[in-house]
C-alpha atoms as a PDB file:
ATOM      1  CA  UNK A   1     149.099 109.733  85.310  1.00  0.00           C
ATOM      2  CA  UNK A   2     151.610 106.905  84.813  1.00  0.00           C
ATOM      3  CA  UNK A   3     152.121 105.158  81.483  1.00  0.00           C
ATOM      4  CA  UNK A   4     150.617 101.981  82.970  1.00  0.00           C
ATOM      5  CA  UNK A   5     147.489 103.870  84.069  1.00  0.00           C
ATOM      6  CA  UNK A   6     147.198 105.535  80.676  1.00  0.00           C
ATOM      7  CA  UNK A   7     147.449 102.197  78.893  1.00  0.00           C
ATOM      8  CA  UNK A   8     144.715 100.739  81.088  1.00  0.00           C
ATOM      9  CA  UNK A   9     142.348 103.507  79.973  1.00  0.00           C
ATOM     10  CA  UNK A  10     142.879 103.129  76.238  1.00  0.00           C
ATOM     11  CA  UNK A  11     140.074 101.563  74.223  1.00  0.00           C
ATOM     12  CA  UNK A  12     140.928  98.057  73.102  1.00  0.00           C
ATOM     13  CA  UNK A  13     139.078  95.545  70.988  1.00  0.00           C
ATOM     14  CA  UNK A  14     136.486  93.347  72.639  1.00  0.00           C
ATOM     15  CA  UNK A  15     137.881  89.933  73.537  1.00  0.00           C
ATOM     16  CA  UNK A  16     134.752  87.931  72.760  1.00  0.00           C
ATOM     17  CA  UNK A  17     131.367  88.430  71.099  1.00  0.00           C
ATOM     18  CA  UNK A  18     128.477  88.633  73.604  1.00  0.00           C
ATOM     19  CA  UNK A  19     126.348  85.485  73.651  1.00  0.00           C
ATOM     20  CA  UNK A  20     122.963  87.180  73.773  1.00  0.00           C
ATOM     21  CA  UNK A  21     121.182  83.868  73.228  1.00  0.00           C
ATOM     22  CA  UNK A  22     121.689  83.171  76.954  1.00  0.00           C
ATOM     23  CA  UNK A  23     118.481  83.638  78.954  1.00  0.00           C
ATOM     24  CA  UNK A  24     119.155  86.204  81.696  1.00  0.00           C
ATOM     25  CA  UNK A  25     115.536  87.083  82.422  1.00  0.00           C
ATOM     26  CA  UNK A  26     114.314  86.870  86.010  1.00  0.00           C
ATOM     27  CA  UNK A  27     110.865  86.506  87.536  1.00  0.00           C
ATOM     28  CA  UNK A  28     110.936  90.010  89.061  1.00  0.00           C
ATOM     29  CA  UNK A  29     111.120  91.494  85.554  1.00  0.00           C
ATOM     30  CA  UNK A  30     108.803  89.099  83.748  1.00  0.00           C
ATOM     31  CA  UNK A  31     105.616  90.064  85.630  1.00  0.00           C
ATOM     32  CA  UNK A  32     105.889  93.838  85.877  1.00  0.00           C
ATOM     33  CA  UNK A  33     102.727  95.848  85.139  1.00  0.00           C
ATOM     34  CA  UNK A  34     102.523  97.833  81.919  1.00  0.00           C
ATOM     35  CA  UNK A  35     102.543 101.611  82.022  1.00  0.00           C
ATOM     36  CA  UNK A  36     104.804 104.104  83.745  1.00  0.00           C
ATOM     37  CA  UNK A  37     107.681 102.478  85.605  1.00  0.00           C
ATOM     38  CA  UNK A  38     109.522 105.594  86.687  1.00  0.00           C
ATOM     39  CA  UNK A  39     108.235 109.181  86.821  1.00  0.00           C
ATOM     40  CA  UNK A  40     110.302 112.328  87.212  1.00  0.00           C
ATOM     41  CA  UNK A  41     107.792 114.989  88.272  1.00  0.00           C
ATOM     42  CA  UNK A  42     108.757 118.681  88.167  1.00  0.00           C
ATOM     43  CA  UNK A  43     112.213 118.016  89.629  1.00  0.00           C
ATOM     44  CA  UNK A  44     114.414 120.995  90.450  1.00  0.00           C
ATOM     45  CA  UNK A  45     117.918 120.693  91.907  1.00  0.00           C
ATOM     46  CA  UNK A  46     119.950 123.643  93.132  1.00  0.00           C
ATOM     47  CA  UNK A  47     123.619 123.728  94.070  1.00  0.00           C
ATOM     48  CA  UNK A  48     123.838 126.991  95.956  1.00  0.00           C
ATOM     49  CA  UNK A  49     122.588 129.625  93.527  1.00  0.00           C
ATOM     50  CA  UNK A  50     122.929 127.356  90.491  1.00  0.00           C
ATOM     51  CA  UNK A  51     119.913 125.504  89.092  1.00  0.00           C
ATOM     52  CA  UNK A  52     121.277 122.214  87.791  1.00  0.00           C
ATOM     53  CA  UNK A  53     117.751 120.956  86.998  1.00  0.00           C
ATOM     54  CA  UNK A  54     114.772 123.232  86.438  1.00  0.00           C
ATOM     55  CA  UNK A  55     111.296 121.691  86.643  1.00  0.00           C
ATOM     56  CA  UNK A  56     112.179 118.525  84.705  1.00  0.00           C
ATOM     57  CA  UNK A  57     109.339 116.051  84.072  1.00  0.00           C
ATOM     58  CA  UNK A  58     109.275 112.824  82.043  1.00  0.00           C
ATOM     59  CA  UNK A  59     108.516 109.145  82.510  1.00  0.00           C
ATOM     60  CA  UNK A  60     109.864 105.748  81.474  1.00  0.00           C
ATOM     61  CA  UNK A  61     107.419 103.025  80.415  1.00  0.00           C
ATOM     62  CA  UNK A  62     107.900  99.409  81.383  1.00  0.00           C
ATOM     63  CA  UNK A  63     109.800  97.528  78.697  1.00  0.00           C
ATOM     64  CA  UNK A  64     111.072 100.497  76.685  1.00  0.00           C
ATOM     65  CA  UNK A  65     114.474 102.006  75.960  1.00  0.00           C
ATOM     66  CA  UNK A  66     114.373 105.718  76.744  1.00  0.00           C
ATOM     67  CA  UNK A  67     117.195 107.987  75.642  1.00  0.00           C
ATOM     68  CA  UNK A  68     118.173 110.997  77.760  1.00  0.00           C
ATOM     69  CA  UNK A  69     120.298 113.333  75.652  1.00  0.00           C
ATOM     70  CA  UNK A  70     121.564 116.891  75.465  1.00  0.00           C
ATOM     71  CA  UNK A  71     124.754 118.857  74.897  1.00  0.00           C
ATOM     72  CA  UNK A  72     127.539 118.963  77.503  1.00  0.00           C
ATOM     73  CA  UNK A  73     126.331 120.533  80.731  1.00  0.00           C
ATOM     74  CA  UNK A  74     122.670 119.881  79.942  1.00  0.00           C
ATOM     75  CA  UNK A  75     122.046 118.090  83.263  1.00  0.00           C
ATOM     76  CA  UNK A  76     121.759 114.509  82.009  1.00  0.00           C
ATOM     77  CA  UNK A  77     124.010 112.848  84.566  1.00  0.00           C
ATOM     78  CA  UNK A  78     122.673 115.144  87.304  1.00  0.00           C
ATOM     79  CA  UNK A  79     119.161 113.918  86.493  1.00  0.00           C
ATOM     80  CA  UNK A  80     120.487 110.350  86.549  1.00  0.00           C
ATOM     81  CA  UNK A  81     121.978 111.006  89.975  1.00  0.00           C
ATOM     82  CA  UNK A  82     118.680 112.327  91.338  1.00  0.00           C
ATOM     83  CA  UNK A  83     116.871 109.240  90.064  1.00  0.00           C
ATOM     84  CA  UNK A  84     119.390 106.860  91.655  1.00  0.00           C
ATOM     85  CA  UNK A  85     119.661 108.586  95.039  1.00  0.00           C
ATOM     86  CA  UNK A  86     123.046 110.260  94.666  1.00  0.00           C
ATOM     87  CA  UNK A  87     121.392 113.696  94.960  1.00  0.00           C
ATOM     88  CA  UNK A  88     118.146 114.681  96.653  1.00  0.00           C
ATOM     89  CA  UNK A  89     115.978 117.077  94.607  1.00  0.00           C
ATOM     90  CA  UNK A  90     115.376 120.570  95.963  1.00  0.00           C
ATOM     91  CA  UNK A  91     111.749 120.185  94.887  1.00  0.00           C
ATOM     92  CA  UNK A  92     109.651 117.752  92.886  1.00  0.00           C
ATOM     93  CA  UNK A  93     109.356 113.976  93.104  1.00  0.00           C
ATOM     94  CA  UNK A  94     110.718 110.793  91.595  1.00  0.00           C
ATOM     95  CA  UNK A  95     108.314 107.847  91.681  1.00  0.00           C
ATOM     96  CA  UNK A  96     109.176 104.241  90.954  1.00  0.00           C
ATOM     97  CA  UNK A  97     106.317 101.825  90.261  1.00  0.00           C
ATOM     98  CA  UNK A  98     103.961 104.418  91.685  1.00  0.00           C
ATOM     99  CA  UNK A  99     105.815 104.893  94.978  1.00  0.00           C
ATOM    100  CA  UNK A 100     107.858 108.035  95.779  1.00  0.00           C
ATOM    101  CA  UNK A 101     111.549 107.349  96.284  1.00  0.00           C
ATOM    102  CA  UNK A 102     111.778 110.210  98.777  1.00  0.00           C
ATOM    103  CA  UNK A 103     115.106 110.209 100.598  1.00  0.00           C
ATOM    104  CA  UNK A 104     115.908 106.557 100.125  1.00  0.00           C
ATOM    105  CA  UNK A 105     119.549 105.538 100.496  1.00  0.00           C
ATOM    106  CA  UNK A 106     121.293 104.379  97.338  1.00  0.00           C
ATOM    107  CA  UNK A 107     121.519 100.741  98.458  1.00  0.00           C
ATOM    108  CA  UNK A 108     117.761 100.725  99.128  1.00  0.00           C
ATOM    109  CA  UNK A 109     117.082 102.119  95.663  1.00  0.00           C
ATOM    110  CA  UNK A 110     119.189  99.278  94.262  1.00  0.00           C
ATOM    111  CA  UNK A 111     117.111  96.789  96.232  1.00  0.00           C
ATOM    112  CA  UNK A 112     113.916  98.356  94.878  1.00  0.00           C
ATOM    113  CA  UNK A 113     115.135  97.545  91.372  1.00  0.00           C
ATOM    114  CA  UNK A 114     117.096 100.460  89.895  1.00  0.00           C
ATOM    115  CA  UNK A 115     120.661  99.717  88.812  1.00  0.00           C
ATOM    116  CA  UNK A 116     123.150 101.939  87.021  1.00  0.00           C
ATOM    117  CA  UNK A 117     126.536 102.121  85.375  1.00  0.00           C
ATOM    118  CA  UNK A 118     128.765 105.183  85.438  1.00  0.00           C
ATOM    119  CA  UNK A 119     130.224 107.577  82.891  1.00  0.00           C
ATOM    120  CA  UNK A 120     133.657 106.741  84.301  1.00  0.00           C
ATOM    121  CA  UNK A 121     134.006 102.997  84.849  1.00  0.00           C
ATOM    122  CA  UNK A 122     133.753 102.050  88.531  1.00  0.00           C
ATOM    123  CA  UNK A 123     134.883  98.479  88.919  1.00  0.00           C
ATOM    124  CA  UNK A 124     136.754  96.794  91.767  1.00  0.00           C
ATOM    125  CA  UNK A 125     139.981  96.646  89.798  1.00  0.00           C
ATOM    126  CA  UNK A 126     141.805  94.264  92.155  1.00  0.00           C
ATOM    127  CA  UNK A 127     138.970  91.741  92.035  1.00  0.00           C
ATOM    128  CA  UNK A 128     138.303  89.287  89.239  1.00  0.00           C
ATOM    129  CA  UNK A 129     135.548  89.710  86.690  1.00  0.00           C
ATOM    130  CA  UNK A 130     133.561  86.975  88.449  1.00  0.00           C
ATOM    131  CA  UNK A 131     134.014  88.597  91.864  1.00  0.00           C
ATOM    132  CA  UNK A 132     132.816  91.950  90.499  1.00  0.00           C
ATOM    133  CA  UNK A 133     129.577  90.385  89.279  1.00  0.00           C
ATOM    134  CA  UNK A 134     129.152  88.510  92.566  1.00  0.00           C
ATOM    135  CA  UNK A 135     129.199  91.873  94.365  1.00  0.00           C
ATOM    136  CA  UNK A 136     126.132  92.814  92.343  1.00  0.00           C
ATOM    137  CA  UNK A 137     124.434  89.483  93.052  1.00  0.00           C
ATOM    138  CA  UNK A 138     124.985  89.982  96.775  1.00  0.00           C
ATOM    139  CA  UNK A 139     122.771  93.102  96.698  1.00  0.00           C
ATOM    140  CA  UNK A 140     119.570  91.036  96.867  1.00  0.00           C
ATOM    141  CA  UNK A 141     120.725  88.306  99.259  1.00  0.00           C
ATOM    142  CA  UNK A 142     118.672  88.132 102.443  1.00  0.00           C
ATOM    143  CA  UNK A 143     121.188  86.380 104.701  1.00  0.00           C
ATOM    144  CA  UNK A 144     123.700  88.295 106.810  1.00  0.00           C
ATOM    145  CA  UNK A 145     127.148  87.919 108.275  1.00  0.00           C
ATOM    146  CA  UNK A 146     126.087  85.419 110.986  1.00  0.00           C
ATOM    147  CA  UNK A 147     124.608  83.072 108.378  1.00  0.00           C
ATOM    148  CA  UNK A 148     127.783  83.433 106.327  1.00  0.00           C
ATOM    149  CA  UNK A 149     130.077  82.667 109.261  1.00  0.00           C
ATOM    150  CA  UNK A 150     128.001  79.643 110.294  1.00  0.00           C
ATOM    151  CA  UNK A 151     127.568  78.528 106.676  1.00  0.00           C
ATOM    152  CA  UNK A 152     123.839  78.036 107.224  1.00  0.00           C
ATOM    153  CA  UNK A 153     121.877  76.246 104.468  1.00  0.00           C
ATOM    154  CA  UNK A 154     120.049  79.372 103.265  1.00  0.00           C
ATOM    155  CA  UNK A 155     123.328  81.249 102.912  1.00  0.00           C
ATOM    156  CA  UNK A 156     124.924  78.379 100.991  1.00  0.00           C
ATOM    157  CA  UNK A 157     121.897  78.235  98.686  1.00  0.00           C
ATOM    158  CA  UNK A 158     122.008  81.981  97.981  1.00  0.00           C
ATOM    159  CA  UNK A 159     125.756  81.769  97.430  1.00  0.00           C
ATOM    160  CA  UNK A 160     125.341  78.967  94.883  1.00  0.00           C
ATOM    161  CA  UNK A 161     122.511  80.795  93.113  1.00  0.00           C
ATOM    162  CA  UNK A 162     124.610  83.956  92.969  1.00  0.00           C
ATOM    163  CA  UNK A 163     127.531  82.067  91.469  1.00  0.00           C
ATOM    164  CA  UNK A 164     125.318  80.508  88.793  1.00  0.00           C
ATOM    165  CA  UNK A 165     123.840  83.929  88.019  1.00  0.00           C
ATOM    166  CA  UNK A 166     127.280  85.527  87.747  1.00  0.00           C
ATOM    167  CA  UNK A 167     128.508  82.881  85.283  1.00  0.00           C
ATOM    168  CA  UNK A 168     125.287  83.271  83.278  1.00  0.00           C
ATOM    169  CA  UNK A 169     125.756  87.038  82.990  1.00  0.00           C
ATOM    170  CA  UNK A 170     129.441  86.734  82.093  1.00  0.00           C
ATOM    171  CA  UNK A 171     128.496  84.357  79.289  1.00  0.00           C
ATOM    172  CA  UNK A 172     125.767  86.727  78.092  1.00  0.00           C
ATOM    173  CA  UNK A 173     128.356  89.516  77.937  1.00  0.00           C
ATOM    174  CA  UNK A 174     130.966  87.377  76.177  1.00  0.00           C
ATOM    175  CA  UNK A 175     133.216  87.465  79.249  1.00  0.00           C
ATOM    176  CA  UNK A 176     133.011  83.840  80.352  1.00  0.00           C
ATOM    177  CA  UNK A 177     136.660  83.168  79.513  1.00  0.00           C
ATOM    178  CA  UNK A 178     137.675  86.280  81.443  1.00  0.00           C
ATOM    179  CA  UNK A 179     135.989  85.214  84.699  1.00  0.00           C
ATOM    180  CA  UNK A 180     139.216  84.693  86.660  1.00  0.00           C
ATOM    181  CA  UNK A 181     141.085  87.721  85.308  1.00  0.00           C
ATOM    182  CA  UNK A 182     141.482  90.869  87.380  1.00  0.00           C
ATOM    183  CA  UNK A 183     139.158  93.633  86.220  1.00  0.00           C
ATOM    184  CA  UNK A 184     142.096  96.024  85.763  1.00  0.00           C
ATOM    185  CA  UNK A 185     143.659  93.672  83.189  1.00  0.00           C
ATOM    186  CA  UNK A 186     140.581  93.496  80.963  1.00  0.00           C
ATOM    187  CA  UNK A 187     140.433  95.443  77.691  1.00  0.00           C
ATOM    188  CA  UNK A 188     138.528  98.715  77.978  1.00  0.00           C
ATOM    189  CA  UNK A 189     135.469  97.428  76.117  1.00  0.00           C
ATOM    190  CA  UNK A 190     135.284  94.366  78.341  1.00  0.00           C
ATOM    191  CA  UNK A 191     135.419  96.568  81.430  1.00  0.00           C
ATOM    192  CA  UNK A 192     132.402  98.464  80.093  1.00  0.00           C
ATOM    193  CA  UNK A 193     130.474  95.231  79.590  1.00  0.00           C
ATOM    194  CA  UNK A 194     131.563  93.905  82.981  1.00  0.00           C
ATOM    195  CA  UNK A 195     130.041  96.964  84.637  1.00  0.00           C
ATOM    196  CA  UNK A 196     126.751  96.268  82.844  1.00  0.00           C
ATOM    197  CA  UNK A 197     126.928  92.619  83.971  1.00  0.00           C
ATOM    198  CA  UNK A 198     127.424  93.714  87.580  1.00  0.00           C
ATOM    199  CA  UNK A 199     124.425  96.050  87.343  1.00  0.00           C
ATOM    200  CA  UNK A 200     122.270  93.259  85.890  1.00  0.00           C
ATOM    201  CA  UNK A 201     123.362  90.948  88.725  1.00  0.00           C
ATOM    202  CA  UNK A 202     121.333  93.088  91.133  1.00  0.00           C
ATOM    203  CA  UNK A 203     118.197  91.893  89.269  1.00  0.00           C
ATOM    204  CA  UNK A 204     117.057  95.405  88.347  1.00  0.00           C
ATOM    205  CA  UNK A 205     113.704  96.318  86.934  1.00  0.00           C
ATOM    206  CA  UNK A 206     115.254  99.464  85.441  1.00  0.00           C
ATOM    207  CA  UNK A 207     118.801  99.490  84.052  1.00  0.00           C
ATOM    208  CA  UNK A 208     120.356 102.962  83.743  1.00  0.00           C
ATOM    209  CA  UNK A 209     123.369 103.252  81.439  1.00  0.00           C
ATOM    210  CA  UNK A 210     125.461 106.435  81.631  1.00  0.00           C
ATOM    211  CA  UNK A 211     127.365 106.859  78.332  1.00  0.00           C
ATOM    212  CA  UNK A 212     128.170 103.153  77.854  1.00  0.00           C
ATOM    213  CA  UNK A 213     129.686 103.768  74.408  1.00  0.00           C
ATOM    214  CA  UNK A 214     132.330 106.231  75.643  1.00  0.00           C
ATOM    215  CA  UNK A 215     135.674 105.288  74.087  1.00  0.00           C
ATOM    216  CA  UNK A 216     134.202 102.716  71.698  1.00  0.00           C
ATOM    217  CA  UNK A 217     135.045 102.560  68.015  1.00  0.00           C
ATOM    218  CA  UNK A 218     132.197 102.358  65.438  1.00  0.00           C
ATOM    219  CA  UNK A 219     132.222  98.530  65.282  1.00  0.00           C
ATOM    220  CA  UNK A 220     132.031  98.291  69.080  1.00  0.00           C
ATOM    221  CA  UNK A 221     129.149 100.759  69.133  1.00  0.00           C
ATOM    222  CA  UNK A 222     127.193  98.541  66.748  1.00  0.00           C
ATOM    223  CA  UNK A 223     127.794  95.578  69.066  1.00  0.00           C
ATOM    224  CA  UNK A 224     126.685  97.696  72.022  1.00  0.00           C
ATOM    225  CA  UNK A 225     123.442  98.623  70.252  1.00  0.00           C
ATOM    226  CA  UNK A 226     122.749  94.933  69.673  1.00  0.00           C
ATOM    227  CA  UNK A 227     123.553  94.176  73.312  1.00  0.00           C
ATOM    228  CA  UNK A 228     121.185  96.875  74.650  1.00  0.00           C
ATOM    229  CA  UNK A 229     118.408  95.636  72.376  1.00  0.00           C
ATOM    230  CA  UNK A 230     119.000  92.068  73.586  1.00  0.00           C
ATOM    231  CA  UNK A 231     118.790  93.212  77.207  1.00  0.00           C
ATOM    232  CA  UNK A 232     115.439  94.838  76.486  1.00  0.00           C
ATOM    233  CA  UNK A 233     114.228  91.719  74.642  1.00  0.00           C
ATOM    234  CA  UNK A 234     114.837  89.774  77.858  1.00  0.00           C
ATOM    235  CA  UNK A 235     112.305  92.005  79.602  1.00  0.00           C
ATOM    236  CA  UNK A 236     114.417  94.796  81.057  1.00  0.00           C
ATOM    237  CA  UNK A 237     113.596  98.496  80.896  1.00  0.00           C
ATOM    238  CA  UNK A 238     116.561 100.684  79.931  1.00  0.00           C
ATOM    239  CA  UNK A 239     117.387 104.360  80.424  1.00  0.00           C
ATOM    240  CA  UNK A 240     120.282 105.446  78.225  1.00  0.00           C
ATOM    241  CA  UNK A 241     122.421 108.577  78.452  1.00  0.00           C
ATOM    242  CA  UNK A 242     124.596 108.814  75.367  1.00  0.00           C
ATOM    243  CA  UNK A 243     126.354 111.430  73.223  1.00  0.00           C
ATOM    244  CA  UNK A 244     126.526 109.313  70.076  1.00  0.00           C
ATOM    245  CA  UNK A 245     123.387 110.365  68.206  1.00  0.00           C
ATOM    246  CA  UNK A 246     123.557 107.499  65.718  1.00  0.00           C
ATOM    247  CA  UNK A 247     123.520 105.009  68.589  1.00  0.00           C
ATOM    248  CA  UNK A 248     120.670 106.821  70.366  1.00  0.00           C
ATOM    249  CA  UNK A 249     118.572 107.098  67.216  1.00  0.00           C
ATOM    250  CA  UNK A 250     119.184 103.444  66.400  1.00  0.00           C
ATOM    251  CA  UNK A 251     118.325 101.853  69.726  1.00  0.00           C
ATOM    252  CA  UNK A 252     115.770 103.981  71.630  1.00  0.00           C
ATOM    253  CA  UNK A 253     111.974 103.967  71.547  1.00  0.00           C
ATOM    254  CA  UNK A 254     111.617 107.543  72.816  1.00  0.00           C
ATOM    255  CA  UNK A 255     114.005 110.384  73.598  1.00  0.00           C
ATOM    256  CA  UNK A 256     114.004 113.188  76.183  1.00  0.00           C
ATOM    257  CA  UNK A 257     116.253 116.178  75.507  1.00  0.00           C
ATOM    258  CA  UNK A 258     117.705 118.473  78.172  1.00  0.00           C
ATOM    259  CA  UNK A 259     119.479 121.805  77.779  1.00  0.00           C
ATOM    260  CA  UNK A 260     120.804 123.882  80.677  1.00  0.00           C
ATOM    261  CA  UNK A 261     118.828 121.741  83.121  1.00  0.00           C
ATOM    262  CA  UNK A 262     115.479 122.120  81.332  1.00  0.00           C
ATOM    263  CA  UNK A 263     113.568 119.678  79.155  1.00  0.00           C
ATOM    264  CA  UNK A 264     113.329 121.162  75.663  1.00  0.00           C
ATOM    265  CA  UNK A 265     111.875 118.192  73.747  1.00  0.00           C
ATOM    266  CA  UNK A 266     110.421 114.699  74.080  1.00  0.00           C
ATOM    267  CA  UNK A 267     109.273 112.274  71.416  1.00  0.00           C
ATOM    268  CA  UNK A 268     110.084 109.517  68.968  1.00  0.00           C
ATOM    269  CA  UNK A 269     113.610 109.428  67.497  1.00  0.00           C
ATOM    270  CA  UNK A 270     112.413 110.746  64.113  1.00  0.00           C
ATOM    271  CA  UNK A 271     110.617 113.640  65.823  1.00  0.00           C
ATOM    272  CA  UNK A 272     113.673 114.544  67.889  1.00  0.00           C
ATOM    273  CA  UNK A 273     115.994 114.382  64.865  1.00  0.00           C
ATOM    274  CA  UNK A 274     113.936 117.040  63.070  1.00  0.00           C
ATOM    275  CA  UNK A 275     113.119 119.195  66.113  1.00  0.00           C
ATOM    276  CA  UNK A 276     114.381 122.796  65.605  1.00  0.00           C
ATOM    277  CA  UNK A 277     115.057 123.310  69.344  1.00  0.00           C
ATOM    278  CA  UNK A 278     117.186 120.157  69.493  1.00  0.00           C
ATOM    279  CA  UNK A 279     119.095 121.103  66.349  1.00  0.00           C
ATOM    280  CA  UNK A 280     119.736 124.556  67.798  1.00  0.00           C
ATOM    281  CA  UNK A 281     120.925 123.100  71.121  1.00  0.00           C
ATOM    282  CA  UNK A 282     123.440 120.794  69.445  1.00  0.00           C
ATOM    283  CA  UNK A 283     124.618 123.190  66.725  1.00  0.00           C
ATOM    284  CA  UNK A 284     124.578 126.302  68.852  1.00  0.00           C
ATOM    285  CA  UNK A 285     122.330 128.305  66.527  1.00  0.00           C
ATOM    286  CA  UNK A 286     119.182 130.349  67.106  1.00  0.00           C
ATOM    287  CA  UNK A 287     116.188 128.083  66.436  1.00  0.00           C
ATOM    288  CA  UNK A 288     114.182 131.174  65.392  1.00  0.00           C
ATOM    289  CA  UNK A 289     116.769 132.371  62.906  1.00  0.00           C
ATOM    290  CA  UNK A 290     115.567 132.522  59.322  1.00  0.00           C
END
């Protein structure tokens, strides 16, 4: 890896403080029914002879922040990938708002209302911050290439609405002044927040964050906790994969714990913190030892 590439991956301070007073709520989120939004039902995933997930079941309620945790290799991101259409389960079902996702393509799952970020940042590095968010906004546009070429009124209206939405989200994330900068030139922390902004631009009902605090210093993690809470306060449901236990304990409503592809615990943060099986999984000790 070149020195320039290495520098681009180093954590840097956030350029601006997120303006979480901005209203980013949308009608699709405001009127969702209470109860179970997403259900993972007895999901097993095999890669050859390896069981990456083994009969995993849990659910996410509308309007909550659910933490999905576990030691390295527990199957957290694999479970994430099953939920978002990257992998198809060997057996079991994933249901979203009561409907099975089946073998839906990833872009269709996005249209249904599930958006995600990635453990390793996946931005369009040669596009500006604004253009990256506009890519997300385009996911729910109904006009096609013919309307775009002919500049039909509906296309122009959707384009204008998408631009307004992108600026709104950049402001919410504290990136408004970075709108015209290339994504690759942004500080590391801003790239993380830009990826969240792009996911929110798809107007998701469920926002899935895969280790969003990776590479952050303690002060940045506090800001991230506040940001996630603000996103939930605007009506969004959040699924969070994260290694930092202080962050998870401080921001989630409930926690699901995986180990070696199996669910070993589920409950409130205080219950998980004191759970012998969870302590054993993280410390590598026998939970039955005296």
